[in-house]
Protein backbone atom coordinates (compact mmCIF):
# COMPACT_ATOMS: atom_id res chain seq x y z
CA MET A 1 39.20 7.26 -26.31
CA SER A 2 39.33 3.86 -27.84
CA VAL A 3 37.65 2.88 -31.17
CA LEU A 4 35.43 0.50 -29.18
CA SER A 5 34.32 3.36 -26.86
CA ARG A 6 33.57 5.62 -29.82
CA GLY A 7 31.69 2.72 -31.49
CA LEU A 8 29.51 2.18 -28.38
CA GLY A 9 28.87 5.85 -28.15
CA ALA A 10 27.70 6.00 -31.73
CA MET A 11 25.55 2.93 -31.14
CA MET A 12 23.74 4.78 -28.43
CA THR A 13 23.36 7.80 -30.70
CA VAL A 14 21.74 5.85 -33.55
CA ARG A 15 19.76 3.39 -31.44
CA PRO A 16 16.45 5.20 -31.66
CA TYR A 17 16.77 4.98 -35.56
CA VAL A 18 17.67 1.31 -35.95
CA GLN A 19 14.12 -0.11 -36.07
CA ARG A 20 13.14 2.41 -38.71
CA PHE A 21 16.07 1.25 -40.82
CA ILE A 22 15.30 -2.40 -40.45
CA ASP A 23 12.06 -1.50 -42.22
CA VAL A 24 14.15 -0.80 -45.33
CA ASP A 25 14.29 -4.58 -45.86
CA HIS A 26 10.57 -4.70 -46.27
CA GLU A 27 10.74 -1.74 -48.77
CA SER A 28 13.29 -3.63 -50.86
CA LYS A 29 10.99 -6.68 -51.14
CA GLN A 30 8.27 -4.68 -53.10
CA THR A 31 7.86 -5.56 -56.77
CA SER A 32 9.38 -3.20 -59.26
CA ALA A 33 8.29 -3.84 -62.85
CA ILE A 34 10.30 -2.22 -65.74
CA SER A 35 9.03 -2.53 -69.28
CA LEU A 36 11.02 -2.10 -72.49
CA PHE A 37 9.36 -0.88 -75.68
CA PRO A 38 10.87 -2.42 -78.85
CA GLY A 39 13.40 0.01 -80.30
CA ASP A 40 16.89 0.35 -81.61
CA ASP A 41 18.47 -3.16 -81.47
CA ALA A 42 21.76 -2.20 -79.90
CA GLY A 43 20.06 0.07 -77.27
CA THR A 44 17.50 -2.51 -76.44
CA ARG A 45 20.19 -5.21 -75.98
CA PHE A 46 22.06 -2.79 -73.70
CA LEU A 47 19.02 -2.18 -71.51
CA ARG A 48 18.34 -5.97 -71.31
CA ASP A 49 21.94 -6.69 -70.24
CA LEU A 50 21.89 -3.75 -67.76
CA LEU A 51 18.53 -4.72 -66.19
CA GLY A 52 18.72 -8.39 -66.45
CA HIS A 53 15.55 -10.34 -65.69
CA GLY A 54 13.18 -9.30 -63.05
CA PRO A 55 9.50 -9.96 -62.21
CA ASP A 56 6.85 -8.27 -64.47
CA ILE A 57 4.10 -8.30 -61.82
CA GLY A 58 1.64 -5.51 -61.02
CA GLU A 59 1.81 -2.02 -62.24
CA THR A 60 4.80 -0.97 -64.33
CA ASP A 61 7.02 1.55 -62.53
CA LEU A 62 9.10 2.66 -65.58
CA VAL A 63 8.90 2.24 -69.31
CA LEU A 64 12.13 2.51 -71.32
CA TRP A 65 12.47 3.07 -75.05
CA VAL A 66 15.37 3.56 -77.43
CA PRO A 67 14.11 5.38 -80.54
CA THR A 68 14.44 3.57 -83.86
CA ASP A 69 13.52 4.21 -87.46
CA ASP A 70 9.82 4.02 -86.65
CA ILE A 71 10.01 7.01 -84.24
CA GLU A 72 6.44 8.28 -84.55
CA ALA A 73 4.77 4.98 -83.56
CA GLY A 74 7.08 4.42 -80.62
CA ALA A 75 6.80 8.08 -79.52
CA GLU A 76 2.99 7.79 -79.53
CA ALA A 77 3.03 4.63 -77.55
CA LEU A 78 5.42 6.06 -74.91
CA ALA A 79 3.41 9.22 -74.68
CA ALA A 80 0.20 7.15 -74.09
CA ARG A 81 1.94 5.38 -71.12
CA LYS A 82 3.06 8.75 -69.74
CA HIS A 83 -0.49 10.00 -70.00
CA GLN A 84 -1.64 7.01 -68.00
CA GLY A 85 0.69 8.18 -65.14
CA THR A 86 3.59 5.76 -65.76
CA ARG A 87 7.15 7.11 -65.56
CA VAL A 88 8.76 6.92 -68.93
CA ARG A 89 12.23 7.55 -70.37
CA ALA A 90 13.49 7.63 -73.97
CA LEU A 91 17.22 6.81 -74.20
CA LEU A 92 18.71 9.10 -76.75
CA ILE A 93 22.17 8.09 -78.02
CA GLY A 94 24.52 10.06 -80.17
CA SER A 95 26.40 13.40 -80.53
CA PRO A 96 24.67 16.59 -79.26
CA PRO A 97 23.36 17.50 -82.70
CA GLU A 98 22.12 13.96 -83.17
CA ARG A 99 20.42 14.01 -79.84
CA ARG A 100 18.77 17.35 -80.57
CA GLU A 101 17.30 15.87 -83.75
CA LEU A 102 15.90 12.98 -81.83
CA GLU A 103 14.33 15.37 -79.34
CA ARG A 104 12.52 17.06 -82.13
CA ALA A 105 11.53 13.69 -83.68
CA ILE A 106 9.98 12.31 -80.51
CA GLY A 107 8.32 15.55 -79.55
CA VAL A 108 10.21 16.94 -76.64
CA GLY A 109 8.38 20.14 -75.71
CA SER A 110 5.01 18.83 -76.81
CA ARG A 111 4.59 15.15 -75.90
CA PHE A 112 7.52 14.88 -73.57
CA GLU A 113 9.58 16.99 -71.22
CA LEU A 114 13.39 16.99 -71.48
CA SER A 115 13.42 15.21 -68.16
CA ASP A 116 11.67 12.25 -69.82
CA THR A 117 14.85 11.58 -71.76
CA ILE A 118 18.19 10.05 -70.82
CA GLN A 119 20.97 11.31 -73.12
CA VAL A 120 24.38 9.78 -73.61
CA SER A 121 26.94 9.99 -76.31
CA SER A 122 27.44 6.18 -76.44
CA LEU A 123 26.58 2.98 -74.62
CA SER A 124 30.05 2.26 -73.55
CA GLY A 125 32.29 3.69 -70.73
CA ILE A 126 30.96 6.67 -69.05
CA GLY A 127 27.83 6.71 -71.21
CA ALA A 128 26.80 3.27 -70.04
CA ARG A 129 27.43 4.24 -66.46
CA ARG A 130 25.39 7.50 -66.80
CA ALA A 131 22.49 5.53 -68.38
CA GLY A 132 22.41 3.20 -65.47
CA LEU A 133 22.49 5.97 -62.93
CA GLU A 134 19.62 7.88 -64.72
CA ILE A 135 17.47 4.81 -64.83
CA ALA A 136 17.96 4.31 -61.07
CA ARG A 137 17.14 7.96 -60.52
CA ALA A 138 14.01 7.68 -62.64
CA LEU A 139 12.76 4.80 -60.55
CA GLY A 140 13.26 6.80 -57.26
CA ASP A 141 11.89 4.93 -54.28
CA GLN A 142 11.46 1.81 -56.38
CA ALA A 143 15.07 1.62 -57.26
CA LEU A 144 16.06 -0.39 -54.20
CA ALA A 145 13.36 -3.11 -55.04
CA ALA A 146 14.60 -3.11 -58.59
CA GLY A 147 18.16 -3.67 -57.52
CA ARG A 148 17.22 -6.56 -55.16
CA GLN A 149 15.26 -8.22 -57.97
CA ARG A 150 17.80 -7.53 -60.73
CA PRO A 151 21.37 -8.46 -59.68
CA THR A 152 22.86 -7.00 -62.89
CA PHE A 153 21.34 -3.66 -62.07
CA ARG A 154 22.75 -3.45 -58.63
CA PRO A 155 25.95 -1.53 -59.42
CA SER A 156 23.94 1.32 -60.88
CA VAL A 157 21.37 1.30 -58.05
CA GLY A 158 24.18 1.15 -55.49
CA GLU A 159 26.12 4.02 -56.99
CA TRP A 160 22.92 6.13 -57.18
CA MET A 161 21.98 5.44 -53.55
CA VAL A 162 25.49 6.25 -52.35
CA ALA A 163 25.63 9.45 -54.30
CA ARG A 164 22.14 10.56 -53.18
CA ALA A 165 22.97 9.92 -49.50
CA ALA A 166 26.29 11.72 -49.82
CA ARG A 167 24.57 14.86 -51.39
CA ARG A 168 22.03 14.84 -48.57
CA ALA A 169 24.74 14.53 -45.87
CA ALA A 170 26.69 17.39 -47.43
CA ALA A 171 23.61 19.61 -47.40
CA VAL A 172 23.08 18.97 -43.70
CA GLY A 173 26.69 19.34 -42.85
CA ALA A 174 26.88 22.71 -44.54
CA ALA A 175 23.77 23.93 -42.89
CA SER A 176 24.11 22.76 -39.39
CA LEU A 177 26.59 21.89 -36.69
CA ALA A 178 24.06 21.32 -33.96
CA VAL A 179 23.64 17.91 -32.43
CA SER A 180 20.38 17.55 -34.36
CA GLY A 181 22.27 18.10 -37.57
CA LEU A 182 24.88 15.44 -36.71
CA ALA A 183 22.04 13.09 -35.82
CA VAL A 184 20.51 13.60 -39.23
CA ILE A 185 23.89 12.76 -40.90
CA SER A 186 24.01 9.52 -38.84
CA SER A 187 20.43 8.79 -39.94
CA ILE A 188 21.30 9.32 -43.63
CA GLN A 189 24.32 7.07 -43.37
CA MET A 190 22.61 4.35 -41.44
CA ARG A 191 19.69 4.26 -43.95
CA MET A 192 22.16 4.11 -46.86
CA VAL A 193 23.89 1.05 -45.25
CA ALA A 194 20.60 -0.54 -44.56
CA SER A 195 19.50 -0.06 -48.11
CA ILE A 196 22.70 -1.52 -49.56
CA ALA A 197 22.40 -4.45 -47.13
CA ALA A 198 18.80 -5.13 -48.15
CA MET A 199 19.64 -4.99 -51.84
CA PHE A 200 21.94 -7.96 -51.23
CA ASP A 201 19.42 -9.80 -49.22
CA ARG A 202 21.24 -9.07 -46.00
CA GLU A 203 18.79 -7.90 -43.32
CA LEU A 204 19.94 -5.03 -41.10
CA GLY A 205 19.75 -6.98 -37.88
CA ALA A 206 21.36 -6.09 -34.56
CA GLN A 207 24.87 -7.15 -35.63
CA SER A 208 24.81 -5.09 -38.82
CA ALA A 209 23.52 -2.12 -36.93
CA ALA A 210 26.32 -2.46 -34.41
CA ASP A 211 28.84 -2.82 -37.14
CA ALA A 212 27.63 0.35 -38.88
CA ALA A 213 27.71 2.29 -35.45
CA VAL A 214 31.25 1.19 -35.05
CA ILE A 215 32.19 2.86 -38.34
CA LEU A 216 30.37 5.99 -37.46
CA GLY A 217 32.09 6.08 -34.08
CA ALA A 218 35.44 5.49 -35.69
CA GLY A 219 35.11 8.80 -37.47
CA PHE A 220 32.99 8.65 -40.66
CA GLY A 221 32.10 12.26 -40.81
CA LEU A 222 30.79 13.16 -37.33
CA ARG A 223 33.99 13.90 -35.67
CA GLY A 224 35.30 15.94 -38.69
CA VAL A 225 32.10 18.04 -39.07
CA ALA A 226 31.88 18.64 -35.28
CA ARG A 227 35.45 19.90 -35.02
CA PHE A 228 34.67 23.01 -37.06
CA GLY A 229 32.05 24.37 -34.56
CA ALA A 230 32.14 28.05 -34.70
CA ARG A 231 35.87 27.94 -35.48
CA GLY A 232 37.75 27.42 -38.77
CA VAL A 233 37.36 29.58 -41.82
CA PRO A 234 34.18 31.71 -41.34
CA MET A 235 33.21 31.98 -45.02
CA ALA A 236 34.45 28.54 -46.07
CA GLY A 237 33.21 26.68 -42.98
CA PRO A 238 29.89 25.54 -44.44
CA LEU A 239 31.58 24.39 -47.68
CA ILE A 240 34.30 22.51 -45.76
CA ARG A 241 31.73 20.83 -43.38
CA GLY A 242 29.67 19.81 -46.36
CA GLY A 243 32.68 18.40 -48.09
CA ILE A 244 33.64 16.29 -45.07
CA ALA A 245 30.01 14.97 -44.76
CA TYR A 246 29.96 14.22 -48.42
CA THR A 247 33.31 12.48 -48.54
CA SER A 248 32.72 10.44 -45.37
CA THR A 249 29.26 9.32 -46.39
CA ARG A 250 30.49 8.27 -49.82
CA ALA A 251 33.43 6.38 -48.27
CA LEU A 252 31.05 4.50 -46.03
CA GLY A 253 28.66 3.72 -48.83
CA GLU A 254 31.38 2.38 -51.14
CA LEU A 255 32.75 0.27 -48.28
CA ALA A 256 29.32 -1.16 -47.54
CA TYR A 257 28.72 -1.94 -51.19
CA LEU A 258 32.14 -3.63 -51.53
CA ARG A 259 31.56 -5.74 -48.38
CA PHE A 260 28.00 -6.70 -48.96
CA SER A 261 28.43 -7.46 -52.76
CA GLY A 262 31.29 -9.84 -51.71
CA GLY A 263 29.11 -11.63 -49.19
CA GLN A 264 31.21 -10.27 -46.32
CA PRO A 265 30.06 -8.68 -43.05
CA LEU A 266 30.22 -4.92 -43.01
CA ILE A 267 33.12 -4.90 -40.55
CA ALA A 268 35.87 -7.54 -40.38
CA GLY A 269 37.88 -5.61 -37.85
CA ILE A 270 38.05 -1.77 -38.02
CA PRO A 271 38.74 -0.67 -41.74
CA ALA A 272 42.03 1.08 -40.91
CA PRO A 273 42.68 2.23 -44.55
CA ALA A 274 39.21 3.80 -44.78
CA GLN A 275 39.62 5.49 -41.35
CA SER A 276 43.09 6.74 -42.36
CA ALA A 277 41.76 8.20 -45.63
CA ILE A 278 39.10 10.02 -43.87
CA ASP A 279 41.49 11.54 -41.33
CA LYS A 280 43.93 12.55 -43.99
CA ILE A 281 41.10 14.44 -45.72
CA ILE A 282 40.25 16.21 -42.49
CA GLU A 283 43.95 17.04 -41.66
CA ARG A 284 44.33 18.89 -44.94
CA LEU A 285 41.47 21.22 -44.38
CA PRO A 286 42.14 24.61 -42.83
CA GLY A 287 41.06 25.02 -39.25
CA ALA A 288 40.59 21.30 -38.68
CA ASP A 289 42.91 21.11 -35.65
CA VAL A 290 42.96 17.31 -35.79
CA ASP A 291 44.07 15.37 -32.66
CA GLN A 292 46.68 13.12 -34.35
CA SER A 293 46.71 10.58 -31.53
CA GLU A 294 42.92 10.15 -31.89
CA GLY A 295 43.20 9.45 -35.64
CA SER A 296 45.76 6.75 -35.14
CA GLU A 297 43.82 4.60 -32.69
CA GLY A 298 42.53 1.21 -33.43
């Protein structure tokens, strides 16, 4: 079966979902307002650089604060915003003992829950990356709008959206091999692609939907998951299926982010290296029984 035939088959599979995913573009155009309370100078500068400038219109979706010497006043102000129903996060920076001390100082366990904090050892390297991911997670459904409005925040939002979609696909892949389960994985992947496209002001029109379907038809997850059926390793099967669904969804998301962030169409020819990477992962798994000729097409 040719890559084109598989792509057309995938297009027919996802066609009922396409209009729903086009609506993601409207979701991304909502206003997401993020406020910063004055706090630690270095931490506040980091947040301003990470988030960039965005509209401050309507209700605030998230208030961020990095504790400084005047902890009590800042903690009271943040707690007041939380009491009003606004999502809040205190960014705590330092070694584990230093962060425990900051927890006590701001009132974790009384004024705040531990989930109201983002904790990192530093604001460089993995600490900076984690802070960005946790801010995107705190925004939840508003993260897409925030990413569209704040270009410097897009890497964090994109990584969070891809990771979230990959985890969801893994859960579905581990739980179900039925056609309905595979359709859900397609739905998760297509929505992820639509969200990334919308974040970069690229509407998911018919051409982008067709491109995404070609990727799915070329083997991003569905063939690998389906091959296991009732075969393979009985006890490890769900774990393996979940791993394939996770890996393939993450690969598709990272490809989509790379293409859209560079102003390119999703597909400029079939991404042979990406397809090859997916097939190699599947080949290494026990019980995969990969048809080598199918993996080399295209």
